[in-house]
Amino acid sequence: MRAELPLRLARTAVFAAVCVTLAALAHAVGGGSTPAPWAAALGVGTVFTLALALGGRERSTATINIALVCAQLGLHELFGGDDGTGYVVAHLHGRGFGNDVGMLLAHLTATLLTGWWLARGEAALWATLRRLVRPLVLRWPTPLPSAHPAAPVIVRVRVVPPDPALRHSVVRRGPPLPA
């Protein structure tokens, strides 16, 4: 079952909103500042565009989690600094690596839980659509015959006279008789 444009837009909007909100909250709670409005808008636009391209059909939990993790990494880089330096440059140099591993694990855990939550919503949405659409498709009326009926088929039969040499032969068809 493929998703038409209104359904694709709704699913994409939910995915983009969850993805950018999660990245902004995780960045703010994890010790960074809140992202600039232009960065959040750019993140929503980018995630929305990529998710719209992938949203044509139902996706598995693994696919949703991979897309969410990749989007979170990209958004975290975008939200990392206002001076153009990304998250890796601003956070990994100058401070110990131990603090960053804890923050990375916290972000990854939150992302995977959110991905699982989105995947369950995706499965519920598609199950509901299957239950609603299939009965409608099965009850769909059969197409009416066209206004111009097809011309009748003309069959010409030629009678072949039997061969006079085979006039006295007997044709017995069927299985042999039991002995």
N, C-alpha and C. Protein backbone atom coordinates (compact mmCIF):
# COMPACT_ATOMS: atom_id res chain seq x y z
N MET A 1 0.84 -1.17 0.00
CA MET A 1 0.00 0.00 0.00
C MET A 1 0.89 1.24 0.00
N ARG A 2 0.62 2.16 -0.89
CA ARG A 2 1.43 3.37 -0.99
C ARG A 2 0.66 4.54 -0.39
N ALA A 3 1.39 5.51 0.11
CA ALA A 3 0.79 6.67 0.73
C ALA A 3 0.61 7.78 -0.30
N GLU A 4 -0.57 8.34 -0.36
CA GLU A 4 -0.83 9.49 -1.23
C GLU A 4 -0.30 10.74 -0.56
N LEU A 5 -0.30 11.86 -1.28
CA LEU A 5 0.35 13.08 -0.82
C LEU A 5 -0.19 13.61 0.52
N PRO A 6 -1.51 13.67 0.79
CA PRO A 6 -1.94 14.19 2.09
C PRO A 6 -1.43 13.36 3.27
N LEU A 7 -1.45 12.03 3.11
CA LEU A 7 -0.94 11.16 4.17
C LEU A 7 0.57 11.32 4.32
N ARG A 8 1.28 11.43 3.21
CA ARG A 8 2.74 11.62 3.26
C ARG A 8 3.10 12.92 3.97
N LEU A 9 2.35 13.97 3.68
CA LEU A 9 2.63 15.26 4.32
C LEU A 9 2.39 15.19 5.83
N ALA A 10 1.32 14.53 6.25
CA ALA A 10 1.02 14.42 7.68
C ALA A 10 2.09 13.60 8.40
N ARG A 11 2.47 12.46 7.82
CA ARG A 11 3.50 11.63 8.44
C ARG A 11 4.84 12.35 8.48
N THR A 12 5.16 13.07 7.42
CA THR A 12 6.43 13.80 7.35
C THR A 12 6.45 14.92 8.38
N ALA A 13 5.35 15.62 8.53
CA ALA A 13 5.29 16.70 9.51
C ALA A 13 5.49 16.18 10.93
N VAL A 14 4.89 15.05 11.24
CA VAL A 14 5.06 14.46 12.58
C VAL A 14 6.52 14.05 12.79
N PHE A 15 7.11 13.40 11.82
CA PHE A 15 8.50 12.96 11.94
C PHE A 15 9.44 14.15 12.10
N ALA A 16 9.26 15.18 11.29
CA ALA A 16 10.13 16.36 11.37
C ALA A 16 9.96 17.08 12.71
N ALA A 17 8.73 17.20 13.18
CA ALA A 17 8.49 17.88 14.45
C ALA A 17 9.13 17.11 15.61
N VAL A 18 8.94 15.80 15.63
CA VAL A 18 9.53 14.99 16.70
C VAL A 18 11.05 15.04 16.64
N CYS A 19 11.60 14.93 15.45
CA CYS A 19 13.04 14.89 15.28
C CYS A 19 13.70 16.19 15.72
N VAL A 20 13.20 17.32 15.26
CA VAL A 20 13.81 18.61 15.58
C VAL A 20 13.56 18.97 17.05
N THR A 21 12.38 18.68 17.57
CA THR A 21 12.11 18.96 18.98
C THR A 21 13.02 18.13 19.88
N LEU A 22 13.20 16.87 19.55
CA LEU A 22 14.08 16.01 20.34
C LEU A 22 15.52 16.54 20.29
N ALA A 23 15.98 16.94 19.13
CA ALA A 23 17.35 17.44 19.01
C ALA A 23 17.52 18.74 19.78
N ALA A 24 16.56 19.64 19.70
CA ALA A 24 16.66 20.92 20.40
C ALA A 24 16.61 20.73 21.91
N LEU A 25 15.70 19.89 22.38
CA LEU A 25 15.61 19.65 23.83
C LEU A 25 16.86 18.92 24.34
N ALA A 26 17.31 17.94 23.61
CA ALA A 26 18.51 17.21 24.04
C ALA A 26 19.72 18.13 24.05
N HIS A 27 19.80 19.03 23.11
CA HIS A 27 20.93 19.95 23.08
C HIS A 27 20.87 20.94 24.24
N ALA A 28 19.66 21.43 24.54
CA ALA A 28 19.51 22.38 25.64
C ALA A 28 19.76 21.71 26.99
N VAL A 29 19.21 20.51 27.18
CA VAL A 29 19.37 19.80 28.45
C VAL A 29 20.80 19.28 28.62
N GLY A 30 21.43 18.89 27.51
CA GLY A 30 22.77 18.33 27.56
C GLY A 30 23.87 19.34 27.82
N GLY A 31 23.53 20.57 28.06
CA GLY A 31 24.56 21.55 28.40
C GLY A 31 24.78 22.60 27.35
N GLY A 32 24.20 22.43 26.19
CA GLY A 32 24.36 23.44 25.16
C GLY A 32 23.29 24.51 25.31
N SER A 33 23.34 25.48 24.45
CA SER A 33 22.31 26.52 24.46
C SER A 33 21.16 26.09 23.56
N THR A 34 20.07 26.78 23.67
CA THR A 34 18.96 26.48 22.77
C THR A 34 19.35 26.92 21.36
N PRO A 35 18.91 26.21 20.37
CA PRO A 35 19.32 26.55 19.00
C PRO A 35 18.70 27.87 18.55
N ALA A 36 19.39 28.53 17.68
CA ALA A 36 18.87 29.78 17.11
C ALA A 36 17.64 29.47 16.26
N PRO A 37 16.72 30.41 16.17
CA PRO A 37 15.50 30.15 15.37
C PRO A 37 15.81 29.80 13.91
N TRP A 38 16.82 30.43 13.32
CA TRP A 38 17.14 30.12 11.93
C TRP A 38 17.66 28.69 11.81
N ALA A 39 18.41 28.23 12.84
CA ALA A 39 18.93 26.87 12.80
C ALA A 39 17.80 25.86 12.95
N ALA A 40 16.84 26.15 13.84
CA ALA A 40 15.70 25.25 14.01
C ALA A 40 14.86 25.21 12.74
N ALA A 41 14.65 26.36 12.11
CA ALA A 41 13.87 26.39 10.87
C ALA A 41 14.58 25.64 9.75
N LEU A 42 15.89 25.82 9.66
CA LEU A 42 16.66 25.10 8.66
C LEU A 42 16.61 23.59 8.92
N GLY A 43 16.68 23.20 10.19
CA GLY A 43 16.59 21.79 10.55
C GLY A 43 15.24 21.20 10.20
N VAL A 44 14.16 21.93 10.50
CA VAL A 44 12.82 21.43 10.17
C VAL A 44 12.67 21.29 8.66
N GLY A 45 13.13 22.27 7.91
CA GLY A 45 13.02 22.20 6.45
C GLY A 45 13.81 21.05 5.86
N THR A 46 15.01 20.85 6.35
CA THR A 46 15.85 19.77 5.83
C THR A 46 15.27 18.40 6.17
N VAL A 47 14.90 18.21 7.42
CA VAL A 47 14.33 16.91 7.84
C VAL A 47 13.01 16.67 7.12
N PHE A 48 12.20 17.70 6.97
CA PHE A 48 10.91 17.55 6.28
C PHE A 48 11.12 17.12 4.83
N THR A 49 12.07 17.74 4.15
CA THR A 49 12.33 17.40 2.75
C THR A 49 12.83 15.96 2.59
N LEU A 50 13.77 15.56 3.44
CA LEU A 50 14.30 14.20 3.35
C LEU A 50 13.24 13.17 3.73
N ALA A 51 12.45 13.46 4.77
CA ALA A 51 11.42 12.52 5.20
C ALA A 51 10.30 12.40 4.16
N LEU A 52 10.01 13.49 3.45
CA LEU A 52 8.98 13.44 2.41
C LEU A 52 9.42 12.53 1.28
N ALA A 53 10.71 12.54 0.98
CA ALA A 53 11.22 11.67 -0.08
C ALA A 53 11.15 10.20 0.34
N LEU A 54 11.29 9.90 1.63
CA LEU A 54 11.28 8.52 2.10
C LEU A 54 9.90 8.05 2.55
N GLY A 55 8.91 8.93 2.60
CA GLY A 55 7.62 8.60 3.21
C GLY A 55 6.58 8.01 2.29
N GLY A 56 6.97 7.39 1.19
CA GLY A 56 5.99 6.88 0.24
C GLY A 56 5.30 5.59 0.65
N ARG A 57 5.88 4.87 1.57
CA ARG A 57 5.27 3.60 1.99
C ARG A 57 5.63 3.35 3.45
N GLU A 58 5.11 2.26 3.99
CA GLU A 58 5.36 1.93 5.39
C GLU A 58 6.83 1.56 5.58
N ARG A 59 7.42 2.04 6.65
CA ARG A 59 8.82 1.78 6.95
C ARG A 59 8.93 0.91 8.20
N SER A 60 10.01 0.13 8.27
CA SER A 60 10.22 -0.76 9.41
C SER A 60 10.81 0.01 10.58
N THR A 61 10.86 -0.64 11.74
CA THR A 61 11.43 -0.02 12.94
C THR A 61 12.91 0.29 12.73
N ALA A 62 13.63 -0.61 12.10
CA ALA A 62 15.06 -0.38 11.86
C ALA A 62 15.28 0.81 10.94
N THR A 63 14.49 0.93 9.89
CA THR A 63 14.64 2.05 8.96
C THR A 63 14.32 3.37 9.65
N ILE A 64 13.28 3.39 10.47
CA ILE A 64 12.92 4.62 11.18
C ILE A 64 14.02 5.00 12.16
N ASN A 65 14.55 4.01 12.89
CA ASN A 65 15.62 4.32 13.85
C ASN A 65 16.88 4.82 13.17
N ILE A 66 17.25 4.22 12.05
CA ILE A 66 18.44 4.67 11.32
C ILE A 66 18.23 6.10 10.81
N ALA A 67 17.06 6.38 10.25
CA ALA A 67 16.79 7.74 9.77
C ALA A 67 16.79 8.74 10.91
N LEU A 68 16.24 8.35 12.05
CA LEU A 68 16.19 9.26 13.20
C LEU A 68 17.57 9.51 13.77
N VAL A 69 18.40 8.49 13.88
CA VAL A 69 19.77 8.67 14.39
C VAL A 69 20.57 9.56 13.45
N CYS A 70 20.47 9.34 12.15
CA CYS A 70 21.19 10.18 11.18
C CYS A 70 20.71 11.63 11.26
N ALA A 71 19.40 11.81 11.35
CA ALA A 71 18.86 13.17 11.45
C ALA A 71 19.30 13.84 12.75
N GLN A 72 19.34 13.07 13.85
CA GLN A 72 19.77 13.65 15.13
C GLN A 72 21.23 14.07 15.07
N LEU A 73 22.07 13.27 14.45
CA LEU A 73 23.48 13.64 14.33
C LEU A 73 23.64 14.91 13.50
N GLY A 74 22.91 14.99 12.40
CA GLY A 74 22.97 16.19 11.57
C GLY A 74 22.43 17.42 12.28
N LEU A 75 21.32 17.26 12.99
CA LEU A 75 20.75 18.39 13.72
C LEU A 75 21.65 18.81 14.88
N HIS A 76 22.29 17.85 15.51
CA HIS A 76 23.18 18.19 16.62
C HIS A 76 24.39 18.98 16.11
N GLU A 77 24.86 18.60 14.93
CA GLU A 77 25.94 19.38 14.30
C GLU A 77 25.47 20.79 13.98
N LEU A 78 24.24 20.90 13.48
CA LEU A 78 23.69 22.22 13.14
C LEU A 78 23.49 23.08 14.38
N PHE A 79 23.02 22.48 15.45
CA PHE A 79 22.75 23.24 16.68
C PHE A 79 24.00 23.47 17.51
N GLY A 80 25.13 22.87 17.10
CA GLY A 80 26.34 22.90 17.92
C GLY A 80 26.93 24.25 18.17
N GLY A 81 26.89 25.12 17.24
CA GLY A 81 27.50 26.42 17.47
C GLY A 81 26.94 27.46 16.54
N ASP A 82 26.85 28.68 17.05
CA ASP A 82 26.34 29.78 16.25
C ASP A 82 27.42 30.41 15.39
N ASP A 83 28.69 30.10 15.68
CA ASP A 83 29.78 30.71 14.94
C ASP A 83 30.21 29.85 13.75
N GLY A 84 29.45 28.83 13.42
CA GLY A 84 29.78 28.00 12.28
C GLY A 84 30.54 26.75 12.64
N THR A 85 31.06 26.63 13.86
CA THR A 85 31.76 25.41 14.25
C THR A 85 30.73 24.38 14.64
N GLY A 86 30.93 23.20 14.22
CA GLY A 86 29.98 22.14 14.51
C GLY A 86 30.15 21.59 15.91
N TYR A 87 29.32 20.63 16.22
CA TYR A 87 29.32 20.03 17.55
C TYR A 87 30.66 19.37 17.87
N VAL A 88 31.22 18.68 16.92
CA VAL A 88 32.46 17.94 17.17
C VAL A 88 33.59 18.92 17.50
N VAL A 89 33.71 19.98 16.76
CA VAL A 89 34.78 20.94 16.99
C VAL A 89 34.56 21.67 18.32
N ALA A 90 33.34 22.05 18.62
CA ALA A 90 33.07 22.85 19.81
C ALA A 90 33.11 22.03 21.10
N HIS A 91 32.75 20.75 21.04
CA HIS A 91 32.59 19.98 22.27
C HIS A 91 33.72 18.99 22.55
N LEU A 92 34.35 18.45 21.53
CA LEU A 92 35.34 17.41 21.80
C LEU A 92 36.72 17.98 22.10
N HIS A 93 37.02 19.18 21.72
CA HIS A 93 38.32 19.76 22.00
C HIS A 93 38.23 20.63 23.26
N GLY A 94 39.18 20.45 24.14
CA GLY A 94 39.22 21.30 25.33
C GLY A 94 38.58 20.67 26.54
N ARG A 95 37.63 19.77 26.38
CA ARG A 95 37.02 19.09 27.51
C ARG A 95 37.33 17.61 27.38
N GLY A 96 37.23 16.89 28.44
CA GLY A 96 37.54 15.47 28.39
C GLY A 96 36.55 14.70 27.53
N PHE A 97 37.01 13.56 27.01
CA PHE A 97 36.16 12.73 26.17
C PHE A 97 35.11 12.00 27.00
N GLY A 98 35.34 11.82 28.31
CA GLY A 98 34.41 11.07 29.17
C GLY A 98 33.06 11.74 29.29
N ASN A 99 33.02 13.05 29.39
CA ASN A 99 31.74 13.74 29.48
C ASN A 99 30.94 13.60 28.19
N ASP A 100 31.62 13.62 27.08
CA ASP A 100 30.94 13.54 25.79
C ASP A 100 30.39 12.15 25.50
N VAL A 101 31.03 11.10 26.02
CA VAL A 101 30.51 9.75 25.83
C VAL A 101 29.19 9.59 26.57
N GLY A 102 29.10 10.13 27.78
CA GLY A 102 27.84 10.07 28.53
C GLY A 102 26.73 10.81 27.82
N MET A 103 27.05 11.99 27.28
CA MET A 103 26.04 12.76 26.57
C MET A 103 25.64 12.04 25.28
N LEU A 104 26.62 11.44 24.60
CA LEU A 104 26.32 10.69 23.39
C LEU A 104 25.41 9.50 23.68
N LEU A 105 25.68 8.78 24.77
CA LEU A 105 24.81 7.65 25.13
C LEU A 105 23.41 8.11 25.51
N ALA A 106 23.32 9.24 26.20
CA ALA A 106 21.99 9.77 26.56
C ALA A 106 21.21 10.15 25.31
N HIS A 107 21.88 10.82 24.37
CA HIS A 107 21.21 11.19 23.12
C HIS A 107 20.80 9.95 22.33
N LEU A 108 21.67 8.97 22.26
CA LEU A 108 21.38 7.76 21.50
C LEU A 108 20.22 6.99 22.12
N THR A 109 20.18 6.90 23.44
CA THR A 109 19.08 6.21 24.12
C THR A 109 17.76 6.92 23.85
N ALA A 110 17.76 8.24 23.99
CA ALA A 110 16.53 9.00 23.74
C ALA A 110 16.09 8.86 22.29
N THR A 111 17.05 8.86 21.38
CA THR A 111 16.73 8.74 19.97
C THR A 111 16.14 7.37 19.65
N LEU A 112 16.73 6.31 20.18
CA LEU A 112 16.21 4.97 19.91
C LEU A 112 14.83 4.76 20.53
N LEU A 113 14.60 5.30 21.72
CA LEU A 113 13.27 5.19 22.32
C LEU A 113 12.24 5.96 21.49
N THR A 114 12.61 7.14 21.02
CA THR A 114 11.71 7.91 20.19
C THR A 114 11.47 7.20 18.85
N GLY A 115 12.51 6.60 18.30
CA GLY A 115 12.35 5.83 17.06
C GLY A 115 11.41 4.65 17.24
N TRP A 116 11.53 3.97 18.36
CA TRP A 116 10.61 2.86 18.64
C TRP A 116 9.18 3.38 18.76
N TRP A 117 9.01 4.53 19.42
CA TRP A 117 7.69 5.14 19.58
C TRP A 117 7.11 5.52 18.22
N LEU A 118 7.91 6.12 17.36
CA LEU A 118 7.45 6.48 16.01
C LEU A 118 7.12 5.24 15.18
N ALA A 119 7.91 4.19 15.33
CA ALA A 119 7.65 2.96 14.58
C ALA A 119 6.35 2.31 15.01
N ARG A 120 6.04 2.33 16.30
CA ARG A 120 4.77 1.78 16.76
C ARG A 120 3.61 2.61 16.23
N GLY A 121 3.77 3.92 16.19
CA GLY A 121 2.73 4.78 15.62
C GLY A 121 2.55 4.52 14.13
N GLU A 122 3.67 4.31 13.44
CA GLU A 122 3.63 3.99 12.01
C GLU A 122 2.88 2.68 11.78
N ALA A 123 3.18 1.66 12.57
CA ALA A 123 2.50 0.37 12.42
C ALA A 123 1.01 0.49 12.72
N ALA A 124 0.66 1.26 13.75
CA ALA A 124 -0.76 1.43 14.09
C ALA A 124 -1.49 2.19 12.99
N LEU A 125 -0.85 3.20 12.43
CA LEU A 125 -1.47 3.97 11.35
C LEU A 125 -1.75 3.08 10.14
N TRP A 126 -0.76 2.29 9.73
CA TRP A 126 -0.94 1.45 8.55
C TRP A 126 -1.94 0.33 8.81
N ALA A 127 -1.97 -0.21 10.02
CA ALA A 127 -2.96 -1.25 10.34
C ALA A 127 -4.37 -0.67 10.28
N THR A 128 -4.54 0.55 10.78
CA THR A 128 -5.85 1.20 10.72
C THR A 128 -6.25 1.48 9.28
N LEU A 129 -5.32 1.95 8.49
CA LEU A 129 -5.63 2.22 7.08
C LEU A 129 -5.99 0.94 6.34
N ARG A 130 -5.30 -0.16 6.63
CA ARG A 130 -5.64 -1.42 5.97
C ARG A 130 -7.04 -1.87 6.36
N ARG A 131 -7.39 -1.70 7.62
CA ARG A 131 -8.73 -2.12 8.06
C ARG A 131 -9.82 -1.25 7.48
N LEU A 132 -9.53 0.03 7.24
CA LEU A 132 -10.54 0.91 6.70
C LEU A 132 -10.63 0.85 5.18
N VAL A 133 -9.51 0.69 4.52
CA VAL A 133 -9.49 0.77 3.06
C VAL A 133 -9.88 -0.54 2.40
N ARG A 134 -9.43 -1.66 2.92
CA ARG A 134 -9.72 -2.94 2.26
C ARG A 134 -11.21 -3.22 2.12
N PRO A 135 -12.03 -3.01 3.17
CA PRO A 135 -13.47 -3.24 2.95
C PRO A 135 -14.06 -2.31 1.89
N LEU A 136 -13.54 -1.09 1.80
CA LEU A 136 -14.05 -0.18 0.78
C LEU A 136 -13.66 -0.64 -0.62
N VAL A 137 -12.46 -1.15 -0.75
CA VAL A 137 -12.01 -1.64 -2.06
C VAL A 137 -12.79 -2.88 -2.46
N LEU A 138 -13.07 -3.76 -1.50
CA LEU A 138 -13.82 -4.98 -1.82
C LEU A 138 -15.26 -4.67 -2.18
N ARG A 139 -15.82 -3.61 -1.62
CA ARG A 139 -17.21 -3.25 -1.91
C ARG A 139 -17.34 -2.29 -3.08
N TRP A 140 -16.24 -1.95 -3.69
CA TRP A 140 -16.27 -1.00 -4.80
C TRP A 140 -17.10 -1.59 -5.93
N PRO A 141 -18.02 -0.82 -6.51
CA PRO A 141 -18.87 -1.39 -7.57
C PRO A 141 -18.05 -1.76 -8.80
N THR A 142 -18.54 -2.77 -9.48
CA THR A 142 -17.86 -3.19 -10.70
C THR A 142 -18.11 -2.14 -11.78
N PRO A 143 -17.18 -1.97 -12.66
CA PRO A 143 -17.36 -0.95 -13.69
C PRO A 143 -18.53 -1.29 -14.61
N LEU A 144 -19.26 -0.27 -14.98
CA LEU A 144 -20.40 -0.46 -15.87
C LEU A 144 -19.91 -0.73 -17.28
N PRO A 145 -20.72 -1.47 -18.05
CA PRO A 145 -20.30 -1.71 -19.43
C PRO A 145 -20.27 -0.38 -20.19
N SER A 146 -19.43 -0.34 -21.19
CA SER A 146 -19.29 0.90 -21.95
C SER A 146 -20.56 1.18 -22.75
N ALA A 147 -20.72 2.42 -23.15
CA ALA A 147 -21.91 2.82 -23.90
C ALA A 147 -21.94 2.20 -25.28
N HIS A 148 -20.78 1.93 -25.84
CA HIS A 148 -20.70 1.32 -27.16
C HIS A 148 -20.34 -0.15 -27.00
N PRO A 149 -21.33 -1.03 -27.15
CA PRO A 149 -21.00 -2.45 -26.99
C PRO A 149 -20.08 -2.91 -28.12
N ALA A 150 -19.28 -3.88 -27.80
CA ALA A 150 -18.34 -4.42 -28.79
C ALA A 150 -19.11 -5.14 -29.89
N ALA A 151 -18.58 -5.11 -31.06
CA ALA A 151 -19.22 -5.79 -32.18
C ALA A 151 -19.22 -7.29 -31.93
N PRO A 152 -20.30 -7.97 -32.32
CA PRO A 152 -20.33 -9.42 -32.08
C PRO A 152 -19.25 -10.13 -32.91
N VAL A 153 -18.73 -11.15 -32.31
CA VAL A 153 -17.68 -11.92 -32.96
C VAL A 153 -18.32 -12.86 -33.96
N ILE A 154 -17.83 -12.84 -35.17
CA ILE A 154 -18.36 -13.71 -36.22
C ILE A 154 -17.42 -14.90 -36.36
N VAL A 155 -17.99 -16.10 -36.16
CA VAL A 155 -17.20 -17.33 -36.26
C VAL A 155 -17.65 -18.06 -37.51
N ARG A 156 -16.71 -18.34 -38.38
CA ARG A 156 -17.01 -19.07 -39.60
C ARG A 156 -16.54 -20.51 -39.42
N VAL A 157 -17.46 -21.42 -39.64
CA VAL A 157 -17.15 -22.84 -39.47
C VAL A 157 -17.17 -23.49 -40.84
N ARG A 158 -16.14 -24.26 -41.14
CA ARG A 158 -16.07 -24.98 -42.39
C ARG A 158 -16.24 -26.46 -42.10
N VAL A 159 -17.17 -27.06 -42.77
CA VAL A 159 -17.42 -28.49 -42.58
C VAL A 159 -16.47 -29.26 -43.47
N VAL A 160 -15.71 -30.15 -42.85
CA VAL A 160 -14.76 -30.97 -43.59
C VAL A 160 -15.40 -32.34 -43.79
N PRO A 161 -15.54 -32.77 -45.02
CA PRO A 161 -16.14 -34.10 -45.24
C PRO A 161 -15.19 -35.19 -44.76
N PRO A 162 -15.75 -36.28 -44.21
CA PRO A 162 -14.90 -37.37 -43.72
C PRO A 162 -14.17 -38.05 -44.87
N ASP A 163 -13.01 -38.59 -44.54
CA ASP A 163 -12.20 -39.30 -45.53
C ASP A 163 -12.88 -40.64 -45.83
N PRO A 164 -13.11 -40.97 -47.11
CA PRO A 164 -13.80 -42.23 -47.43
C PRO A 164 -13.00 -43.46 -47.01
N ALA A 165 -11.68 -43.36 -46.86
CA ALA A 165 -10.90 -44.53 -46.46
C ALA A 165 -11.13 -44.84 -44.99
N LEU A 166 -11.52 -43.88 -44.20
CA LEU A 166 -11.73 -44.10 -42.77
C LEU A 166 -13.20 -44.30 -42.43
N ARG A 167 -14.03 -44.54 -43.43
CA ARG A 167 -15.47 -44.65 -43.21
C ARG A 167 -15.84 -45.82 -42.32
N HIS A 168 -15.15 -46.94 -42.40
CA HIS A 168 -15.49 -48.13 -41.62
C HIS A 168 -14.65 -48.29 -40.37
N SER A 169 -13.79 -47.34 -40.02
CA SER A 169 -12.97 -47.47 -38.81
C SER A 169 -13.79 -47.07 -37.58
N VAL A 170 -13.45 -47.70 -36.49
CA VAL A 170 -14.15 -47.45 -35.23
C VAL A 170 -13.22 -46.66 -34.30
N VAL A 171 -13.78 -45.63 -33.73
CA VAL A 171 -12.99 -44.83 -32.79
C VAL A 171 -13.57 -45.07 -31.40
N ARG A 172 -12.73 -45.60 -30.54
CA ARG A 172 -13.14 -45.83 -29.16
C ARG A 172 -12.21 -45.01 -28.27
N ARG A 173 -12.78 -44.10 -27.59
CA ARG A 173 -11.97 -43.28 -26.72
C ARG A 173 -12.29 -43.61 -25.28
N GLY A 174 -11.31 -43.52 -24.43
CA GLY A 174 -11.53 -43.77 -23.03
C GLY A 174 -10.55 -44.78 -22.52
N PRO A 175 -10.62 -45.04 -21.24
CA PRO A 175 -9.67 -46.00 -20.65
C PRO A 175 -10.02 -47.42 -21.05
N PRO A 176 -9.02 -48.30 -21.00
CA PRO A 176 -9.31 -49.70 -21.36
C PRO A 176 -10.26 -50.34 -20.34
N LEU A 177 -11.01 -51.31 -20.83
CA LEU A 177 -11.95 -52.00 -19.95
C LEU A 177 -11.20 -52.96 -19.03
N PRO A 178 -11.73 -53.16 -17.85
CA PRO A 178 -11.05 -54.10 -16.95
C PRO A 178 -11.12 -55.54 -17.49
N ALA A 179 -10.12 -56.33 -17.22
CA ALA A 179 -10.04 -57.68 -17.74
C ALA A 179 -10.93 -58.62 -16.99
